[in-house]
Amino acid sequence: MTTHFKAFAFWLPLMVVLTLLGWIVLGALPGMRMTGDLVAWLAELPVITCYAIAAGAATSLTMRATGMNLDNDYRAELIRRAAAGDHAAHQTLSQEIRAWLGFLVIWSLFFFPHW
């Protein structure tokens, strides 16, 4: 089993447990009624979390596939140069951030079309 699969296999049941704990805590609040909408939202929370994780993973894969993902050593060098006042390094880092945000929005719209 790969490390990524182990992390996913660990976190998904943990999210379900956290959802159930939230249901119990919210139900225990004075004056709080567990309506059908709240129960449905709490039941959908692990699925929404998985969609968000999938959107982040798809963004990472898209950045790698398009070649817009900077190597960590190169990014550290660009950060050092940008801190020293290099405008081109700042523009390169800004372009990478804009690409990340753009791809994340696109993949989020794919996974959450009803929002």
N, C-alpha and C. Protein backbone atom coordinates (compact mmCIF):
# COMPACT_ATOMS: atom_id res chain seq x y z
N MET A 1 0.83 -1.17 0.00
CA MET A 1 0.00 0.00 0.00
C MET A 1 0.88 1.24 0.00
N THR A 2 0.53 2.21 -0.84
CA THR A 2 1.32 3.43 -0.88
C THR A 2 0.97 4.31 0.31
N THR A 3 1.84 5.25 0.57
CA THR A 3 1.63 6.15 1.69
C THR A 3 0.39 7.02 1.47
N HIS A 4 0.17 7.45 0.22
CA HIS A 4 -0.99 8.31 -0.06
C HIS A 4 -2.28 7.55 0.19
N PHE A 5 -2.32 6.27 -0.19
CA PHE A 5 -3.53 5.49 0.03
C PHE A 5 -3.76 5.28 1.52
N LYS A 6 -2.67 5.05 2.26
CA LYS A 6 -2.81 4.88 3.71
C LYS A 6 -3.36 6.14 4.36
N ALA A 7 -2.90 7.29 3.91
CA ALA A 7 -3.40 8.54 4.47
C ALA A 7 -4.89 8.70 4.16
N PHE A 8 -5.29 8.40 2.93
CA PHE A 8 -6.70 8.50 2.56
C PHE A 8 -7.53 7.50 3.34
N ALA A 9 -7.02 6.27 3.47
CA ALA A 9 -7.76 5.23 4.19
C ALA A 9 -7.88 5.57 5.67
N PHE A 10 -6.96 6.35 6.20
CA PHE A 10 -7.04 6.78 7.60
C PHE A 10 -7.98 7.97 7.76
N TRP A 11 -7.89 8.96 6.88
CA TRP A 11 -8.63 10.19 7.07
C TRP A 11 -10.11 10.06 6.76
N LEU A 12 -10.49 9.23 5.80
CA LEU A 12 -11.91 9.13 5.46
C LEU A 12 -12.74 8.61 6.62
N PRO A 13 -12.36 7.49 7.28
CA PRO A 13 -13.14 7.08 8.45
C PRO A 13 -13.09 8.12 9.58
N LEU A 14 -11.97 8.81 9.71
CA LEU A 14 -11.87 9.85 10.73
C LEU A 14 -12.85 10.99 10.44
N MET A 15 -13.02 11.34 9.17
CA MET A 15 -13.99 12.39 8.81
C MET A 15 -15.41 11.95 9.15
N VAL A 16 -15.71 10.68 8.94
CA VAL A 16 -17.04 10.17 9.29
C VAL A 16 -17.26 10.26 10.79
N VAL A 17 -16.25 9.89 11.57
CA VAL A 17 -16.35 9.98 13.03
C VAL A 17 -16.52 11.43 13.46
N LEU A 18 -15.77 12.34 12.85
CA LEU A 18 -15.91 13.76 13.19
C LEU A 18 -17.29 14.28 12.84
N THR A 19 -17.85 13.80 11.74
CA THR A 19 -19.20 14.21 11.36
C THR A 19 -20.21 13.73 12.40
N LEU A 20 -20.06 12.49 12.82
CA LEU A 20 -20.98 11.97 13.84
C LEU A 20 -20.82 12.71 15.17
N LEU A 21 -19.59 13.04 15.53
CA LEU A 21 -19.38 13.83 16.75
C LEU A 21 -20.00 15.22 16.63
N GLY A 22 -19.89 15.81 15.45
CA GLY A 22 -20.54 17.10 15.23
C GLY A 22 -22.04 17.01 15.35
N TRP A 23 -22.58 15.92 14.87
CA TRP A 23 -24.02 15.69 14.97
C TRP A 23 -24.43 15.60 16.44
N ILE A 24 -23.64 14.87 17.21
CA ILE A 24 -23.95 14.72 18.64
C ILE A 24 -23.81 16.06 19.36
N VAL A 25 -22.72 16.78 19.09
CA VAL A 25 -22.49 18.06 19.78
C VAL A 25 -23.55 19.07 19.39
N LEU A 26 -23.86 19.18 18.10
CA LEU A 26 -24.88 20.15 17.68
C LEU A 26 -26.25 19.77 18.21
N GLY A 27 -26.51 18.49 18.33
CA GLY A 27 -27.79 18.06 18.87
C GLY A 27 -27.89 18.30 20.37
N ALA A 28 -26.74 18.40 21.04
CA ALA A 28 -26.74 18.60 22.49
C ALA A 28 -26.83 20.08 22.87
N LEU A 29 -26.69 20.98 21.91
CA LEU A 29 -26.78 22.40 22.23
C LEU A 29 -28.20 22.75 22.64
N PRO A 30 -28.36 23.61 23.64
CA PRO A 30 -29.71 23.97 24.07
C PRO A 30 -30.44 24.74 22.96
N GLY A 31 -31.66 24.35 22.71
CA GLY A 31 -32.47 25.01 21.70
C GLY A 31 -32.15 24.60 20.28
N MET A 32 -31.25 23.65 20.10
CA MET A 32 -30.87 23.21 18.75
C MET A 32 -31.70 22.00 18.37
N ARG A 33 -32.33 22.08 17.24
CA ARG A 33 -33.11 20.94 16.76
C ARG A 33 -32.39 20.34 15.57
N MET A 34 -32.32 19.04 15.53
CA MET A 34 -31.68 18.34 14.42
C MET A 34 -32.71 18.19 13.30
N THR A 35 -32.76 19.18 12.44
CA THR A 35 -33.70 19.11 11.33
C THR A 35 -33.14 18.21 10.24
N GLY A 36 -33.97 17.88 9.29
CA GLY A 36 -33.52 17.03 8.19
C GLY A 36 -32.43 17.67 7.36
N ASP A 37 -32.48 19.00 7.21
CA ASP A 37 -31.45 19.69 6.44
C ASP A 37 -30.09 19.60 7.11
N LEU A 38 -30.06 19.76 8.42
CA LEU A 38 -28.80 19.69 9.15
C LEU A 38 -28.23 18.28 9.11
N VAL A 39 -29.07 17.29 9.28
CA VAL A 39 -28.61 15.90 9.23
C VAL A 39 -28.09 15.58 7.83
N ALA A 40 -28.79 16.04 6.80
CA ALA A 40 -28.35 15.80 5.42
C ALA A 40 -27.01 16.48 5.16
N TRP A 41 -26.84 17.70 5.68
CA TRP A 41 -25.58 18.39 5.48
C TRP A 41 -24.44 17.67 6.19
N LEU A 42 -24.68 17.22 7.42
CA LEU A 42 -23.64 16.50 8.15
C LEU A 42 -23.31 15.17 7.48
N ALA A 43 -24.32 14.53 6.89
CA ALA A 43 -24.06 13.28 6.18
C ALA A 43 -23.28 13.52 4.90
N GLU A 44 -23.46 14.69 4.30
CA GLU A 44 -22.79 15.01 3.04
C GLU A 44 -21.39 15.58 3.25
N LEU A 45 -21.06 15.96 4.47
CA LEU A 45 -19.78 16.60 4.76
C LEU A 45 -18.56 15.75 4.35
N PRO A 46 -18.50 14.44 4.65
CA PRO A 46 -17.35 13.66 4.20
C PRO A 46 -17.23 13.61 2.67
N VAL A 47 -18.35 13.58 1.98
CA VAL A 47 -18.33 13.55 0.52
C VAL A 47 -17.79 14.88 -0.02
N ILE A 48 -18.24 15.98 0.56
CA ILE A 48 -17.76 17.30 0.14
C ILE A 48 -16.25 17.42 0.40
N THR A 49 -15.81 16.89 1.53
CA THR A 49 -14.38 16.91 1.84
C THR A 49 -13.58 16.11 0.83
N CYS A 50 -14.09 14.95 0.44
CA CYS A 50 -13.42 14.14 -0.58
C CYS A 50 -13.38 14.85 -1.92
N TYR A 51 -14.45 15.56 -2.28
CA TYR A 51 -14.45 16.35 -3.52
C TYR A 51 -13.39 17.44 -3.46
N ALA A 52 -13.27 18.10 -2.32
CA ALA A 52 -12.27 19.15 -2.17
C ALA A 52 -10.86 18.58 -2.27
N ILE A 53 -10.63 17.42 -1.68
CA ILE A 53 -9.32 16.76 -1.78
C ILE A 53 -9.04 16.38 -3.23
N ALA A 54 -10.06 15.88 -3.93
CA ALA A 54 -9.90 15.51 -5.34
C ALA A 54 -9.61 16.74 -6.19
N ALA A 55 -10.25 17.87 -5.90
CA ALA A 55 -9.98 19.10 -6.65
C ALA A 55 -8.54 19.55 -6.42
N GLY A 56 -8.06 19.45 -5.19
CA GLY A 56 -6.67 19.80 -4.90
C GLY A 56 -5.68 18.88 -5.59
N ALA A 57 -5.97 17.58 -5.59
CA ALA A 57 -5.09 16.62 -6.26
C ALA A 57 -5.10 16.83 -7.77
N ALA A 58 -6.27 17.09 -8.33
CA ALA A 58 -6.35 17.35 -9.77
C ALA A 58 -5.60 18.63 -10.13
N THR A 59 -5.65 19.62 -9.27
CA THR A 59 -4.90 20.86 -9.50
C THR A 59 -3.41 20.57 -9.51
N SER A 60 -2.94 19.78 -8.55
CA SER A 60 -1.53 19.44 -8.49
C SER A 60 -1.09 18.67 -9.74
N LEU A 61 -1.90 17.70 -10.16
CA LEU A 61 -1.56 16.94 -11.36
C LEU A 61 -1.58 17.81 -12.60
N THR A 62 -2.53 18.73 -12.68
CA THR A 62 -2.59 19.63 -13.83
C THR A 62 -1.39 20.55 -13.87
N MET A 63 -0.98 21.05 -12.72
CA MET A 63 0.21 21.91 -12.67
C MET A 63 1.45 21.14 -13.12
N ARG A 64 1.57 19.89 -12.72
CA ARG A 64 2.71 19.08 -13.14
C ARG A 64 2.64 18.78 -14.63
N ALA A 65 1.45 18.46 -15.13
CA ALA A 65 1.29 18.09 -16.54
C ALA A 65 1.56 19.28 -17.46
N THR A 66 1.19 20.48 -17.03
CA THR A 66 1.40 21.66 -17.87
C THR A 66 2.80 22.24 -17.71
N GLY A 67 3.56 21.75 -16.74
CA GLY A 67 4.91 22.25 -16.53
C GLY A 67 4.95 23.58 -15.80
N MET A 68 3.85 23.99 -15.20
CA MET A 68 3.81 25.27 -14.49
C MET A 68 4.19 25.13 -13.02
N ASN A 69 4.36 23.91 -12.54
CA ASN A 69 4.73 23.68 -11.14
C ASN A 69 6.24 23.84 -11.01
N LEU A 70 6.66 24.79 -10.20
CA LEU A 70 8.08 25.06 -10.03
C LEU A 70 8.72 24.04 -9.10
N ASP A 71 9.95 23.69 -9.39
CA ASP A 71 10.73 22.81 -8.51
C ASP A 71 10.97 23.55 -7.19
N ASN A 72 11.02 22.80 -6.10
CA ASN A 72 11.17 23.43 -4.78
C ASN A 72 12.46 24.22 -4.64
N ASP A 73 13.56 23.69 -5.19
CA ASP A 73 14.83 24.41 -5.11
C ASP A 73 14.76 25.71 -5.92
N TYR A 74 14.17 25.62 -7.11
CA TYR A 74 14.02 26.81 -7.95
C TYR A 74 13.08 27.83 -7.30
N ARG A 75 12.00 27.34 -6.68
CA ARG A 75 11.06 28.23 -6.00
C ARG A 75 11.75 28.95 -4.83
N ALA A 76 12.57 28.21 -4.07
CA ALA A 76 13.30 28.83 -2.96
C ALA A 76 14.26 29.91 -3.47
N GLU A 77 14.90 29.64 -4.60
CA GLU A 77 15.79 30.65 -5.21
C GLU A 77 14.99 31.87 -5.66
N LEU A 78 13.83 31.64 -6.26
CA LEU A 78 12.99 32.76 -6.69
C LEU A 78 12.50 33.58 -5.51
N ILE A 79 12.15 32.91 -4.41
CA ILE A 79 11.70 33.63 -3.22
C ILE A 79 12.84 34.49 -2.66
N ARG A 80 14.04 33.93 -2.65
CA ARG A 80 15.20 34.69 -2.18
C ARG A 80 15.44 35.91 -3.06
N ARG A 81 15.37 35.70 -4.38
CA ARG A 81 15.59 36.81 -5.32
C ARG A 81 14.46 37.85 -5.24
N ALA A 82 13.22 37.38 -5.05
CA ALA A 82 12.10 38.32 -4.94
C ALA A 82 12.22 39.15 -3.66
N ALA A 83 12.70 38.53 -2.59
CA ALA A 83 12.90 39.27 -1.33
C ALA A 83 13.99 40.32 -1.48
N ALA A 84 14.93 40.05 -2.39
CA ALA A 84 16.01 41.01 -2.65
C ALA A 84 15.57 42.12 -3.60
N GLY A 85 14.35 41.99 -4.16
CA GLY A 85 13.83 43.07 -5.01
C GLY A 85 13.79 42.75 -6.49
N ASP A 86 14.04 41.51 -6.89
CA ASP A 86 14.01 41.14 -8.31
C ASP A 86 12.56 41.07 -8.78
N HIS A 87 12.21 41.96 -9.70
CA HIS A 87 10.82 42.04 -10.17
C HIS A 87 10.45 40.81 -11.00
N ALA A 88 11.37 40.30 -11.79
CA ALA A 88 11.07 39.12 -12.63
C ALA A 88 10.79 37.89 -11.77
N ALA A 89 11.52 37.73 -10.68
CA ALA A 89 11.27 36.60 -9.78
C ALA A 89 9.91 36.74 -9.13
N HIS A 90 9.56 37.94 -8.74
CA HIS A 90 8.24 38.18 -8.14
C HIS A 90 7.14 37.87 -9.14
N GLN A 91 7.31 38.27 -10.39
CA GLN A 91 6.32 38.00 -11.43
C GLN A 91 6.17 36.49 -11.68
N THR A 92 7.27 35.77 -11.66
CA THR A 92 7.21 34.32 -11.88
C THR A 92 6.46 33.64 -10.75
N LEU A 93 6.74 34.03 -9.52
CA LEU A 93 6.03 33.46 -8.37
C LEU A 93 4.55 33.83 -8.41
N SER A 94 4.25 35.07 -8.79
CA SER A 94 2.85 35.49 -8.89
C SER A 94 2.12 34.72 -9.98
N GLN A 95 2.81 34.46 -11.09
CA GLN A 95 2.18 33.70 -12.17
C GLN A 95 1.87 32.27 -11.72
N GLU A 96 2.78 31.66 -10.95
CA GLU A 96 2.51 30.31 -10.47
C GLU A 96 1.31 30.29 -9.52
N ILE A 97 1.22 31.28 -8.65
CA ILE A 97 0.09 31.35 -7.71
C ILE A 97 -1.21 31.55 -8.47
N ARG A 98 -1.20 32.44 -9.48
CA ARG A 98 -2.42 32.65 -10.28
C ARG A 98 -2.81 31.37 -11.02
N ALA A 99 -1.83 30.63 -11.51
CA ALA A 99 -2.14 29.37 -12.20
C ALA A 99 -2.74 28.36 -11.22
N TRP A 100 -2.16 28.25 -10.02
CA TRP A 100 -2.71 27.35 -9.00
C TRP A 100 -4.16 27.70 -8.69
N LEU A 101 -4.41 28.99 -8.44
CA LEU A 101 -5.77 29.42 -8.10
C LEU A 101 -6.72 29.20 -9.26
N GLY A 102 -6.26 29.48 -10.47
CA GLY A 102 -7.11 29.27 -11.64
C GLY A 102 -7.48 27.82 -11.84
N PHE A 103 -6.49 26.94 -11.76
CA PHE A 103 -6.78 25.51 -11.90
C PHE A 103 -7.65 25.00 -10.75
N LEU A 104 -7.42 25.52 -9.55
CA LEU A 104 -8.24 25.10 -8.41
C LEU A 104 -9.69 25.52 -8.60
N VAL A 105 -9.91 26.71 -9.12
CA VAL A 105 -11.29 27.16 -9.39
C VAL A 105 -11.92 26.29 -10.47
N ILE A 106 -11.18 26.00 -11.53
CA ILE A 106 -11.72 25.17 -12.61
C ILE A 106 -12.08 23.78 -12.10
N TRP A 107 -11.17 23.15 -11.35
CA TRP A 107 -11.47 21.81 -10.85
C TRP A 107 -12.56 21.83 -9.78
N SER A 108 -12.63 22.91 -9.00
CA SER A 108 -13.72 23.01 -8.02
C SER A 108 -15.06 23.13 -8.72
N LEU A 109 -15.12 23.87 -9.81
CA LEU A 109 -16.36 23.95 -10.58
C LEU A 109 -16.72 22.61 -11.19
N PHE A 110 -15.70 21.82 -11.53
CA PHE A 110 -15.97 20.48 -12.07
C PHE A 110 -16.56 19.57 -10.99
N PHE A 111 -15.97 19.60 -9.80
CA PHE A 111 -16.44 18.72 -8.73
C PHE A 111 -17.67 19.25 -8.00
N PHE A 112 -17.87 20.57 -8.02
CA PHE A 112 -19.02 21.17 -7.34
C PHE A 112 -19.85 21.98 -8.34
N PRO A 113 -20.46 21.34 -9.33
CA PRO A 113 -21.17 22.13 -10.36
C PRO A 113 -22.43 22.80 -9.83
N HIS A 114 -23.01 22.28 -8.76
CA HIS A 114 -24.25 22.85 -8.25
C HIS A 114 -24.01 24.03 -7.31
N TRP A 115 -22.76 24.39 -7.02
CA TRP A 115 -22.49 25.50 -6.13
C TRP A 115 -22.06 26.66 -6.94
